[in-house]
PDB file of all heavy atoms in Angstrom:
ATOM      1  N   ASN A   1       0.834  -1.212   0.006  1.00  0.00           N
ATOM      2  CA  ASN A   1      -0.006   0.012   0.000  1.00  0.00           C
ATOM      3  C   ASN A   1       0.874   1.258   0.023  1.00  0.00           C
ATOM      4  O   ASN A   1       0.567   2.263  -0.699  1.00  0.00           O
ATOM      5  CB  ASN A   1      -0.909  -0.021   1.221  1.00  0.00           C
ATOM      6  CG  ASN A   1      -2.251   0.663   0.944  1.00  0.00           C
ATOM      7  OD1 ASN A   1      -2.930   0.356  -0.031  1.00  0.00           O
ATOM      8  ND2 ASN A   1      -2.632   1.580   1.823  1.00  0.00           N
ATOM      9  N   LYS A   2       1.944   1.212   0.768  1.00  0.00           N
ATOM     10  CA  LYS A   2       2.864   2.392   0.829  1.00  0.00           C
ATOM     11  C   LYS A   2       3.580   2.574  -0.514  1.00  0.00           C
ATOM     12  O   LYS A   2       3.839   3.724  -0.888  1.00  0.00           O
ATOM     13  CB  LYS A   2       3.863   2.218   1.966  1.00  0.00           C
ATOM     14  CG  LYS A   2       3.261   2.372   3.348  1.00  0.00           C
ATOM     15  CD  LYS A   2       2.544   3.702   3.462  1.00  0.00           C
ATOM     16  CE  LYS A   2       1.838   3.897   4.818  1.00  0.00           C
ATOM     17  NZ  LYS A   2       1.053   5.136   4.834  1.00  0.00           N
ATOM     18  N   LEU A   3       3.894   1.493  -1.192  1.00  0.00           N
ATOM     19  CA  LEU A   3       4.544   1.618  -2.516  1.00  0.00           C
ATOM     20  C   LEU A   3       3.601   2.302  -3.469  1.00  0.00           C
ATOM     21  O   LEU A   3       4.030   3.100  -4.323  1.00  0.00           O
ATOM     22  CB  LEU A   3       4.952   0.238  -3.047  1.00  0.00           C
ATOM     23  CG  LEU A   3       6.115  -0.431  -2.335  1.00  0.00           C
ATOM     24  CD1 LEU A   3       6.378  -1.838  -2.818  1.00  0.00           C
ATOM     25  CD2 LEU A   3       7.410   0.460  -2.413  1.00  0.00           C
ATOM     26  N   LEU A   4       2.292   2.008  -3.382  1.00  0.00           N
ATOM     27  CA  LEU A   4       1.298   2.704  -4.189  1.00  0.00           C
ATOM     28  C   LEU A   4       1.214   4.164  -3.844  1.00  0.00           C
ATOM     29  O   LEU A   4       1.085   5.014  -4.675  1.00  0.00           O
ATOM     30  CB  LEU A   4      -0.075   2.031  -4.011  1.00  0.00           C
ATOM     31  CG  LEU A   4      -0.232   0.638  -4.616  1.00  0.00           C
ATOM     32  CD1 LEU A   4      -1.573  -0.009  -4.174  1.00  0.00           C
ATOM     33  CD2 LEU A   4      -0.111   0.643  -6.149  1.00  0.00           C
ATOM     34  N   TYR A   5       1.445   4.447  -2.552  1.00  0.00           N
ATOM     35  CA  TYR A   5       1.445   5.884  -2.105  1.00  0.00           C
ATOM     36  C   TYR A   5       2.699   6.581  -2.719  1.00  0.00           C
ATOM     37  O   TYR A   5       2.567   7.746  -3.108  1.00  0.00           O
ATOM     38  CB  TYR A   5       1.554   5.936  -0.573  1.00  0.00           C
ATOM     39  CG  TYR A   5       1.695   7.321  -0.036  1.00  0.00           C
ATOM     40  CD1 TYR A   5       0.593   8.187   0.095  1.00  0.00           C
ATOM     41  CD2 TYR A   5       2.933   7.836   0.361  1.00  0.00           C
ATOM     42  CE1 TYR A   5       0.698   9.435   0.577  1.00  0.00           C
ATOM     43  CE2 TYR A   5       3.081   9.102   0.828  1.00  0.00           C
ATOM     44  CZ  TYR A   5       1.926   9.910   0.975  1.00  0.00           C
ATOM     45  OH  TYR A   5       2.111  11.224   1.428  1.00  0.00           O
ATOM     46  N   PHE A   6       3.816   5.868  -2.785  1.00  0.00           N
ATOM     47  CA  PHE A   6       4.975   6.515  -3.429  1.00  0.00           C
ATOM     48  C   PHE A   6       4.674   6.957  -4.854  1.00  0.00           C
ATOM     49  O   PHE A   6       5.216   7.940  -5.355  1.00  0.00           O
ATOM     50  CB  PHE A   6       6.194   5.520  -3.445  1.00  0.00           C
ATOM     51  CG  PHE A   6       6.783   5.360  -2.049  1.00  0.00           C
ATOM     52  CD1 PHE A   6       7.337   4.126  -1.704  1.00  0.00           C
ATOM     53  CD2 PHE A   6       6.860   6.393  -1.123  1.00  0.00           C
ATOM     54  CE1 PHE A   6       7.931   3.955  -0.417  1.00  0.00           C
ATOM     55  CE2 PHE A   6       7.418   6.233   0.124  1.00  0.00           C
ATOM     56  CZ  PHE A   6       7.969   5.032   0.429  1.00  0.00           C
ATOM     57  N   ARG A   7       3.846   6.201  -5.530  1.00  0.00           N
ATOM     58  CA  ARG A   7       3.466   6.561  -6.888  1.00  0.00           C
ATOM     59  C   ARG A   7       2.753   7.942  -6.886  1.00  0.00           C
ATOM     60  O   ARG A   7       2.957   8.730  -7.737  1.00  0.00           O
ATOM     61  CB  ARG A   7       2.529   5.498  -7.482  1.00  0.00           C
ATOM     62  CG  ARG A   7       2.136   5.752  -8.952  1.00  0.00           C
ATOM     63  CD  ARG A   7       1.295   4.662  -9.487  1.00  0.00           C
ATOM     64  NE  ARG A   7       0.072   4.487  -8.815  1.00  0.00           N
ATOM     65  CZ  ARG A   7      -0.843   3.559  -9.100  1.00  0.00           C
ATOM     66  NH1 ARG A   7      -0.598   2.648 -10.021  1.00  0.00           N
ATOM     67  NH2 ARG A   7      -1.981   3.495  -8.400  1.00  0.00           N
ATOM     68  N   PHE A   8       1.943   8.190  -5.865  1.00  0.00           N
ATOM     69  CA  PHE A   8       1.304   9.466  -5.672  1.00  0.00           C
ATOM     70  C   PHE A   8       2.371  10.540  -5.496  1.00  0.00           C
ATOM     71  O   PHE A   8       2.269  11.597  -6.082  1.00  0.00           O
ATOM     72  CB  PHE A   8       0.349   9.382  -4.456  1.00  0.00           C
ATOM     73  CG  PHE A   8       0.069  10.733  -3.783  1.00  0.00           C
ATOM     74  CD1 PHE A   8      -0.734  11.673  -4.423  1.00  0.00           C
ATOM     75  CD2 PHE A   8       0.572  11.039  -2.544  1.00  0.00           C
ATOM     76  CE1 PHE A   8      -0.989  12.872  -3.830  1.00  0.00           C
ATOM     77  CE2 PHE A   8       0.307  12.253  -1.960  1.00  0.00           C
ATOM     78  CZ  PHE A   8      -0.508  13.146  -2.583  1.00  0.00           C
ATOM     79  N   GLU A   9       3.391  10.249  -4.729  1.00  0.00           N
ATOM     80  CA  GLU A   9       4.475  11.188  -4.491  1.00  0.00           C
ATOM     81  C   GLU A   9       5.206  11.536  -5.805  1.00  0.00           C
ATOM     82  O   GLU A   9       5.592  12.664  -6.036  1.00  0.00           O
ATOM     83  CB  GLU A   9       5.436  10.672  -3.479  1.00  0.00           C
ATOM     84  CG  GLU A   9       4.946  10.723  -2.078  1.00  0.00           C
ATOM     85  CD  GLU A   9       4.744  12.159  -1.602  1.00  0.00           C
ATOM     86  OE1 GLU A   9       5.666  12.980  -1.762  1.00  0.00           O
ATOM     87  OE2 GLU A   9       3.647  12.460  -1.125  1.00  0.00           O
ATOM     88  N   MET A  10       5.463  10.505  -6.589  1.00  0.00           N
ATOM     89  CA  MET A  10       6.283  10.669  -7.811  1.00  0.00           C
ATOM     90  C   MET A  10       5.541  11.323  -8.939  1.00  0.00           C
ATOM     91  O   MET A  10       6.139  11.822  -9.862  1.00  0.00           O
ATOM     92  CB  MET A  10       6.805   9.288  -8.237  1.00  0.00           C
ATOM     93  CG  MET A  10       7.707   8.597  -7.222  1.00  0.00           C
ATOM     94  SD  MET A  10       9.217   9.582  -6.907  1.00  0.00           S
ATOM     95  CE  MET A  10      10.065   9.438  -8.500  1.00  0.00           C
ATOM     96  N   THR A  11       4.193  11.316  -8.891  1.00  0.00           N
ATOM     97  CA  THR A  11       3.453  11.788 -10.043  1.00  0.00           C
ATOM     98  C   THR A  11       2.771  13.137  -9.804  1.00  0.00           C
ATOM     99  O   THR A  11       2.030  13.602 -10.624  1.00  0.00           O
ATOM    100  CB  THR A  11       2.348  10.767 -10.433  1.00  0.00           C
ATOM    101  OG1 THR A  11       1.522  10.508  -9.282  1.00  0.00           O
ATOM    102  CG2 THR A  11       2.970   9.473 -10.897  1.00  0.00           C
ATOM    103  N   THR A  12       3.067  13.779  -8.651  1.00  0.00           N
ATOM    104  CA  THR A  12       2.508  15.113  -8.389  1.00  0.00           C
ATOM    105  C   THR A  12       3.647  16.077  -8.110  1.00  0.00           C
ATOM    106  O   THR A  12       4.796  15.697  -7.822  1.00  0.00           O
ATOM    107  CB  THR A  12       1.556  15.087  -7.154  1.00  0.00           C
ATOM    108  OG1 THR A  12       2.237  14.542  -6.004  1.00  0.00           O
ATOM    109  CG2 THR A  12       0.350  14.233  -7.429  1.00  0.00           C
ATOM    110  N   GLN A  13       3.320  17.344  -8.239  1.00  0.00           N
ATOM    111  CA  GLN A  13       4.355  18.392  -8.034  1.00  0.00           C
ATOM    112  C   GLN A  13       4.889  18.388  -6.620  1.00  0.00           C
ATOM    113  O   GLN A  13       4.178  18.022  -5.682  1.00  0.00           O
ATOM    114  CB  GLN A  13       3.678  19.764  -8.348  1.00  0.00           C
ATOM    115  CG  GLN A  13       3.107  19.883  -9.726  1.00  0.00           C
ATOM    116  CD  GLN A  13       2.378  21.183  -9.863  1.00  0.00           C
ATOM    117  OE1 GLN A  13       2.942  22.255  -9.577  1.00  0.00           O
ATOM    118  NE2 GLN A  13       1.159  21.164 -10.349  1.00  0.00           N
ATOM    119  N   SER A  14       6.084  18.830  -6.457  1.00  0.00           N
ATOM    120  CA  SER A  14       6.697  18.941  -5.129  1.00  0.00           C
ATOM    121  C   SER A  14       5.966  20.022  -4.358  1.00  0.00           C
ATOM    122  O   SER A  14       5.696  21.136  -4.883  1.00  0.00           O
ATOM    123  CB  SER A  14       8.181  19.291  -5.281  1.00  0.00           C
ATOM    124  OG  SER A  14       8.743  19.501  -4.009  1.00  0.00           O
ATOM    125  N   SER A  15       5.608  19.739  -3.130  1.00  0.00           N
ATOM    126  CA  SER A  15       4.845  20.666  -2.347  1.00  0.00           C
ATOM    127  C   SER A  15       4.807  20.176  -0.912  1.00  0.00           C
ATOM    128  O   SER A  15       5.229  19.090  -0.582  1.00  0.00           O
ATOM    129  CB  SER A  15       3.405  20.778  -2.862  1.00  0.00           C
ATOM    130  OG  SER A  15       2.728  19.530  -2.668  1.00  0.00           O
ATOM    131  N   ALA A  16       4.242  20.988  -0.061  1.00  0.00           N
ATOM    132  CA  ALA A  16       3.929  20.604   1.309  1.00  0.00           C
ATOM    133  C   ALA A  16       2.678  19.705   1.301  1.00  0.00           C
ATOM    134  O   ALA A  16       2.008  19.612   0.276  1.00  0.00           O
ATOM    135  CB  ALA A  16       3.712  21.805   2.206  1.00  0.00           C
ATOM    136  N   GLN A  17       2.393  19.056   2.382  1.00  0.00           N
ATOM    137  CA  GLN A  17       1.245  18.147   2.418  1.00  0.00           C
ATOM    138  C   GLN A  17       0.476  18.266   3.733  1.00  0.00           C
ATOM    139  O   GLN A  17       1.054  18.470   4.791  1.00  0.00           O
ATOM    140  CB  GLN A  17       1.690  16.680   2.267  1.00  0.00           C
ATOM    141  CG  GLN A  17       2.230  16.324   0.921  1.00  0.00           C
ATOM    142  CD  GLN A  17       2.620  14.882   0.858  1.00  0.00           C
ATOM    143  OE1 GLN A  17       3.753  14.559   0.450  1.00  0.00           O
ATOM    144  NE2 GLN A  17       1.782  13.963   1.296  1.00  0.00           N
ATOM    145  N   VAL A  18      -0.865  18.052   3.616  1.00  0.00           N
ATOM    146  CA  VAL A  18      -1.629  17.724   4.780  1.00  0.00           C
ATOM    147  C   VAL A  18      -1.461  16.246   5.016  1.00  0.00           C
ATOM    148  O   VAL A  18      -2.103  15.425   4.343  1.00  0.00           O
ATOM    149  CB  VAL A  18      -3.124  18.090   4.566  1.00  0.00           C
ATOM    150  CG1 VAL A  18      -3.924  17.751   5.838  1.00  0.00           C
ATOM    151  CG2 VAL A  18      -3.295  19.521   4.195  1.00  0.00           C
ATOM    152  N   LEU A  19      -0.564  15.888   5.896  1.00  0.00           N
ATOM    153  CA  LEU A  19      -0.182  14.465   6.036  1.00  0.00           C
ATOM    154  C   LEU A  19      -1.268  13.667   6.720  1.00  0.00           C
ATOM    155  O   LEU A  19      -1.565  12.494   6.327  1.00  0.00           O
ATOM    156  CB  LEU A  19       1.131  14.373   6.787  1.00  0.00           C
ATOM    157  CG  LEU A  19       1.895  13.049   6.671  1.00  0.00           C
ATOM    158  CD1 LEU A  19       2.227  12.743   5.200  1.00  0.00           C
ATOM    159  CD2 LEU A  19       3.159  13.136   7.532  1.00  0.00           C
ATOM    160  N   SER A  20      -1.877  14.231   7.749  1.00  0.00           N
ATOM    161  CA  SER A  20      -2.969  13.593   8.433  1.00  0.00           C
ATOM    162  C   SER A  20      -3.769  14.607   9.195  1.00  0.00           C
ATOM    163  O   SER A  20      -3.211  15.529   9.806  1.00  0.00           O
ATOM    164  CB  SER A  20      -2.415  12.525   9.441  1.00  0.00           C
ATOM    165  OG  SER A  20      -3.465  11.793  10.015  1.00  0.00           O
ATOM    166  N   ILE A  21      -5.109  14.459   9.136  1.00  0.00           N
ATOM    167  CA  ILE A  21      -5.964  15.329   9.930  1.00  0.00           C
ATOM    168  C   ILE A  21      -7.186  14.499  10.362  1.00  0.00           C
ATOM    169  O   ILE A  21      -7.720  13.713   9.590  1.00  0.00           O
ATOM    170  CB  ILE A  21      -6.435  16.569   9.045  1.00  0.00           C
ATOM    171  CG1 ILE A  21      -7.385  17.455   9.894  1.00  0.00           C
ATOM    172  CG2 ILE A  21      -7.075  16.190   7.747  1.00  0.00           C
ATOM    173  CD1 ILE A  21      -7.682  18.781   9.233  1.00  0.00           C
ATOM    174  N   ALA A  22      -7.621  14.650  11.591  1.00  0.00           N
ATOM    175  CA  ALA A  22      -8.752  13.952  12.088  1.00  0.00           C
ATOM    176  C   ALA A  22      -9.356  14.627  13.313  1.00  0.00           C
ATOM    177  O   ALA A  22      -8.608  15.284  14.050  1.00  0.00           O
ATOM    178  CB  ALA A  22      -8.331  12.489  12.450  1.00  0.00           C
ATOM    179  N   VAL A  23     -10.639  14.437  13.472  1.00  0.00           N
ATOM    180  CA  VAL A  23     -11.346  14.937  14.633  1.00  0.00           C
ATOM    181  C   VAL A  23     -12.063  13.717  15.215  1.00  0.00           C
ATOM    182  O   VAL A  23     -12.650  12.920  14.491  1.00  0.00           O
ATOM    183  CB  VAL A  23     -12.352  16.049  14.282  1.00  0.00           C
ATOM    184  CG1 VAL A  23     -13.183  16.462  15.501  1.00  0.00           C
ATOM    185  CG2 VAL A  23     -11.615  17.222  13.704  1.00  0.00           C
ATOM    186  N   HIS A  24     -12.055  13.581  16.521  1.00  0.00           N
ATOM    187  CA  HIS A  24     -12.735  12.473  17.163  1.00  0.00           C
ATOM    188  C   HIS A  24     -14.200  12.528  16.819  1.00  0.00           C
ATOM    189  O   HIS A  24     -14.830  13.603  16.772  1.00  0.00           O
ATOM    190  CB  HIS A  24     -12.600  12.572  18.714  1.00  0.00           C
ATOM    191  CG  HIS A  24     -12.952  11.310  19.439  1.00  0.00           C
ATOM    192  ND1 HIS A  24     -14.279  10.926  19.623  1.00  0.00           N
ATOM    193  CD2 HIS A  24     -12.185  10.329  19.971  1.00  0.00           C
ATOM    194  CE1 HIS A  24     -14.304   9.780  20.234  1.00  0.00           C
ATOM    195  NE2 HIS A  24     -13.064   9.412  20.484  1.00  0.00           N
ATOM    196  N   PRO A  25     -14.785  11.416  16.488  1.00  0.00           N
ATOM    197  CA  PRO A  25     -16.230  11.354  16.077  1.00  0.00           C
ATOM    198  C   PRO A  25     -17.160  12.078  17.003  1.00  0.00           C
ATOM    199  O   PRO A  25     -18.180  12.699  16.587  1.00  0.00           O
ATOM    200  CB  PRO A  25     -16.525   9.829  16.019  1.00  0.00           C
ATOM    201  CG  PRO A  25     -15.229   9.222  15.650  1.00  0.00           C
ATOM    202  CD  PRO A  25     -14.181  10.047  16.388  1.00  0.00           C
ATOM    203  N   GLU A  26     -16.882  12.058  18.313  1.00  0.00           N
ATOM    204  CA  GLU A  26     -17.718  12.727  19.269  1.00  0.00           C
ATOM    205  C   GLU A  26     -17.728  14.253  19.179  1.00  0.00           C
ATOM    206  O   GLU A  26     -18.586  14.932  19.683  1.00  0.00           O
ATOM    207  CB  GLU A  26     -17.357  12.319  20.732  1.00  0.00           C
ATOM    208  CG  GLU A  26     -17.650  10.843  20.987  1.00  0.00           C
ATOM    209  CD  GLU A  26     -17.247  10.462  22.450  1.00  0.00           C
ATOM    210  OE1 GLU A  26     -16.794  11.387  23.174  1.00  0.00           O
ATOM    211  OE2 GLU A  26     -17.456   9.284  22.760  1.00  0.00           O
ATOM    212  N   HIS A  27     -16.670  14.748  18.488  1.00  0.00           N
ATOM    213  CA  HIS A  27     -16.527  16.224  18.375  1.00  0.00           C
ATOM    214  C   HIS A  27     -16.667  16.699  16.950  1.00  0.00           C
ATOM    215  O   HIS A  27     -16.445  17.896  16.663  1.00  0.00           O
ATOM    216  CB  HIS A  27     -15.159  16.624  18.922  1.00  0.00           C
ATOM    217  CG  HIS A  27     -15.021  16.433  20.398  1.00  0.00           C
ATOM    218  ND1 HIS A  27     -15.397  17.392  21.315  1.00  0.00           N
ATOM    219  CD2 HIS A  27     -14.495  15.355  21.084  1.00  0.00           C
ATOM    220  CE1 HIS A  27     -15.152  16.917  22.545  1.00  0.00           C
ATOM    221  NE2 HIS A  27     -14.625  15.701  22.473  1.00  0.00           N
ATOM    222  N   GLN A  28     -17.051  15.844  16.036  1.00  0.00           N
ATOM    223  CA  GLN A  28     -17.256  16.255  14.654  1.00  0.00           C
ATOM    224  C   GLN A  28     -18.493  17.151  14.529  1.00  0.00           C
ATOM    225  O   GLN A  28     -19.443  17.044  15.315  1.00  0.00           O
ATOM    226  CB  GLN A  28     -17.326  15.015  13.753  1.00  0.00           C
ATOM    227  CG  GLN A  28     -16.001  14.326  13.647  1.00  0.00           C
ATOM    228  CD  GLN A  28     -16.065  13.011  12.842  1.00  0.00           C
ATOM    229  OE1 GLN A  28     -17.135  12.672  12.291  1.00  0.00           O
ATOM    230  NE2 GLN A  28     -14.956  12.311  12.746  1.00  0.00           N
ATOM    231  N   GLY A  29     -18.500  17.996  13.512  1.00  0.00           N
ATOM    232  CA  GLY A  29     -19.648  18.879  13.284  1.00  0.00           C
ATOM    233  C   GLY A  29     -19.592  20.177  14.018  1.00  0.00           C
ATOM    234  O   GLY A  29     -20.513  20.989  14.020  1.00  0.00           O
ATOM    235  N   LYS A  30     -18.422  20.444  14.690  1.00  0.00           N
ATOM    236  CA  LYS A  30     -18.239  21.660  15.437  1.00  0.00           C
ATOM    237  C   LYS A  30     -17.322  22.662  14.760  1.00  0.00           C
ATOM    238  O   LYS A  30     -17.060  23.712  15.302  1.00  0.00           O
ATOM    239  CB  LYS A  30     -17.679  21.339  16.846  1.00  0.00           C
ATOM    240  CG  LYS A  30     -18.545  20.408  17.678  1.00  0.00           C
ATOM    241  CD  LYS A  30     -17.823  20.190  19.064  1.00  0.00           C
ATOM    242  CE  LYS A  30     -18.646  19.268  19.915  1.00  0.00           C
ATOM    243  NZ  LYS A  30     -17.959  18.973  21.235  1.00  0.00           N
ATOM    244  N   GLY A  31     -16.883  22.300  13.588  1.00  0.00           N
ATOM    245  CA  GLY A  31     -15.955  23.194  12.854  1.00  0.00           C
ATOM    246  C   GLY A  31     -14.492  23.082  13.292  1.00  0.00           C
ATOM    247  O   GLY A  31     -13.625  23.859  12.873  1.00  0.00           O
ATOM    248  N   ILE A  32     -14.207  22.047  14.100  1.00  0.00           N
ATOM    249  CA  ILE A  32     -12.839  21.860  14.594  1.00  0.00           C
ATOM    250  C   ILE A  32     -11.876  21.507  13.462  1.00  0.00           C
ATOM    251  O   ILE A  32     -10.801  22.003  13.401  1.00  0.00           O
ATOM    252  CB  ILE A  32     -12.780  20.756  15.690  1.00  0.00           C
ATOM    253  CG1 ILE A  32     -13.613  21.280  16.941  1.00  0.00           C
ATOM    254  CG2 ILE A  32     -11.364  20.423  16.094  1.00  0.00           C
ATOM    255  CD1 ILE A  32     -13.793  20.201  17.980  1.00  0.00           C
ATOM    256  N   GLY A  33     -12.322  20.631  12.551  1.00  0.00           N
ATOM    257  CA  GLY A  33     -11.490  20.288  11.394  1.00  0.00           C
ATOM    258  C   GLY A  33     -11.100  21.486  10.553  1.00  0.00           C
ATOM    259  O   GLY A  33      -9.932  21.583  10.134  1.00  0.00           O
ATOM    260  N   GLN A  34     -12.063  22.397  10.351  1.00  0.00           N
ATOM    261  CA  GLN A  34     -11.750  23.551   9.553  1.00  0.00           C
ATOM    262  C   GLN A  34     -10.725  24.487  10.245  1.00  0.00           C
ATOM    263  O   GLN A  34      -9.873  25.059   9.616  1.00  0.00           O
ATOM    264  CB  GLN A  34     -13.039  24.357   9.284  1.00  0.00           C
ATOM    265  CG  GLN A  34     -14.010  23.568   8.367  1.00  0.00           C
ATOM    266  CD  GLN A  34     -15.165  24.462   7.873  1.00  0.00           C
ATOM    267  OE1 GLN A  34     -14.940  25.533   7.335  1.00  0.00           O
ATOM    268  NE2 GLN A  34     -16.396  23.995   8.071  1.00  0.00           N
ATOM    269  N   LYS A  35     -10.876  24.602  11.549  1.00  0.00           N
ATOM    270  CA  LYS A  35      -9.934  25.431  12.327  1.00  0.00           C
ATOM    271  C   LYS A  35      -8.535  24.806  12.290  1.00  0.00           C
ATOM    272  O   LYS A  35      -7.520  25.565  12.180  1.00  0.00           O
ATOM    273  CB  LYS A  35     -10.415  25.636  13.755  1.00  0.00           C
ATOM    274  CG  LYS A  35     -11.697  26.460  13.826  1.00  0.00           C
ATOM    275  CD  LYS A  35     -12.202  26.602  15.239  1.00  0.00           C
ATOM    276  CE  LYS A  35     -13.490  27.448  15.331  1.00  0.00           C
ATOM    277  NZ  LYS A  35     -14.065  27.488  16.660  1.00  0.00           N
TER     278      LYS A  35
END
């Protein structure tokens, strides 16, 4: 799966990344993710 991810890395422009973002399900819908 990670090797397939490397393909994503190799086929897109060099840039920064949102590597991971998550909000606990109990707190979703409060705009926390957007902040």
